Amino acid sequence: MYKMGVIGDKDSILGFKALGLSVFPVTQPEQAARLIHKLAKENYVILFVTESLAQDIKETIDRYGSQPFPIITLIPNNAGSMGLGMEGIKSNVEKAVGVDILFGERG
């Protein structure tokens, strides 16, 4: 059985529990990196990670970027978006189609 999880600060991720996702509150980047490795081995196919946490574990995020699973998607925390999640989506779309179809700029 495949699973989805959310990693970040408690205040930002608690609401995802109501949607049936597993939530993993962490406070330190090192905790998050270890947790991502652990969840990848436990059949988590989608992991949502708050942008503020992801900026400190970029190497871990990039490591899973070239693998089919888990898919790691960056989400804003309760303080707002830093733009990292949208930047990642834009980059992936550009790689797939060769053109920035989200914002109309040529790649």
Protein backbone atom coordinates (compact mmCIF):
# COMPACT_ATOMS: atom_id res chain seq x y z
CA MET A 1 0.00 0.00 0.00
CA TYR A 2 1.38 3.39 -0.99
CA LYS A 3 1.23 6.31 1.41
CA MET A 4 1.45 10.12 1.42
CA GLY A 5 2.98 12.23 4.15
CA VAL A 6 3.62 15.82 5.15
CA ILE A 7 6.80 17.01 6.86
CA GLY A 8 7.21 20.40 8.50
CA ASP A 9 6.51 22.45 11.57
CA LYS A 10 3.48 21.35 13.59
CA ASP A 11 1.40 24.48 13.01
CA SER A 12 1.79 24.25 9.24
CA ILE A 13 1.05 20.56 8.72
CA LEU A 14 -1.53 19.55 11.33
CA GLY A 15 -4.48 20.32 9.02
CA PHE A 16 -3.32 17.66 6.56
CA LYS A 17 -4.17 14.99 9.12
CA ALA A 18 -7.88 15.73 8.54
CA LEU A 19 -7.33 14.82 4.87
CA GLY A 20 -5.99 11.40 5.83
CA LEU A 21 -2.31 12.11 5.22
CA SER A 22 0.38 11.08 7.69
CA VAL A 23 1.90 14.13 9.36
CA PHE A 24 5.43 14.31 10.70
CA PRO A 25 6.19 17.44 12.73
CA VAL A 26 9.90 18.22 12.86
CA THR A 27 11.84 21.22 14.05
CA GLN A 28 15.37 20.56 12.78
CA PRO A 29 16.54 20.10 9.17
CA GLU A 30 18.62 17.06 10.17
CA GLN A 31 15.47 15.40 11.53
CA ALA A 32 13.67 16.07 8.26
CA ALA A 33 16.49 14.63 6.13
CA ARG A 34 16.60 11.42 8.19
CA LEU A 35 12.81 11.18 8.11
CA ILE A 36 12.70 11.52 4.31
CA HIS A 37 15.18 8.65 3.94
CA LYS A 38 13.15 6.53 6.37
CA LEU A 39 9.80 7.25 4.69
CA ALA A 40 11.24 6.52 1.24
CA LYS A 41 11.97 2.98 2.47
CA GLU A 42 8.44 2.65 3.91
CA ASN A 43 6.53 3.01 0.60
CA TYR A 44 5.71 6.71 0.90
CA VAL A 45 5.28 7.77 -2.71
CA ILE A 46 4.43 11.44 -2.14
CA LEU A 47 5.97 13.65 0.50
CA PHE A 48 4.97 17.26 1.01
CA VAL A 49 7.71 19.28 2.73
CA THR A 50 7.39 22.87 3.89
CA GLU A 51 9.52 25.30 1.89
CA SER A 52 11.21 26.75 4.98
CA LEU A 53 12.45 23.30 5.97
CA ALA A 54 13.31 22.24 2.42
CA GLN A 55 15.68 25.16 1.85
CA ASP A 56 17.96 23.71 4.55
CA ILE A 57 17.93 20.14 3.17
CA LYS A 58 18.29 20.88 -0.54
CA GLU A 59 20.82 18.07 -1.00
CA THR A 60 18.34 15.49 0.33
CA ILE A 61 15.51 16.89 -1.82
CA ASP A 62 17.73 16.84 -4.92
CA ARG A 63 18.77 13.25 -4.25
CA TYR A 64 15.17 12.05 -4.64
CA GLY A 65 14.54 14.33 -7.61
CA SER A 66 16.12 11.82 -9.97
CA GLN A 67 14.23 8.85 -8.54
CA PRO A 68 10.64 7.88 -9.34
CA PHE A 69 9.61 7.75 -5.66
CA PRO A 70 9.08 9.46 -3.38
CA ILE A 71 7.85 12.51 -5.21
CA ILE A 72 8.75 15.46 -2.99
CA THR A 73 6.60 18.54 -3.40
CA LEU A 74 7.36 21.77 -1.56
CA ILE A 75 4.48 23.60 0.10
CA PRO A 76 4.30 26.93 1.93
CA ASN A 77 4.25 26.96 5.70
CA ASN A 78 1.77 28.93 7.79
CA ALA A 79 3.90 32.09 7.36
CA GLY A 80 3.38 32.09 3.58
CA SER A 81 5.11 31.04 0.41
CA MET A 82 8.78 31.55 -0.35
CA GLY A 83 8.22 30.67 -4.01
CA LEU A 84 10.38 27.52 -3.88
CA GLY A 85 7.51 25.13 -4.58
CA MET A 86 6.35 27.00 -7.67
CA GLU A 87 9.93 27.34 -8.87
CA GLY A 88 10.35 23.55 -8.68
CA ILE A 89 7.11 22.91 -10.55
CA LYS A 90 8.06 25.44 -13.23
CA SER A 91 11.47 23.81 -13.67
CA ASN A 92 9.95 20.33 -14.04
CA VAL A 93 7.39 21.53 -16.60
CA GLU A 94 10.14 23.24 -18.61
CA LYS A 95 12.17 20.03 -18.63
CA ALA A 96 9.16 18.02 -19.78
CA VAL A 97 7.94 20.29 -22.60
CA GLY A 98 10.93 22.55 -23.33
CA VAL A 99 8.96 25.76 -22.84
CA ASP A 100 7.66 27.61 -19.81
CA ILE A 101 3.92 27.08 -20.33
CA LEU A 102 3.10 28.29 -16.81
CA PHE A 103 4.39 31.84 -17.17
CA GLY A 104 4.84 32.17 -20.93
CA GLU A 105 8.62 32.60 -20.97
CA ARG A 106 10.76 30.62 -23.40
CA GLY A 107 13.27 28.19 -21.84
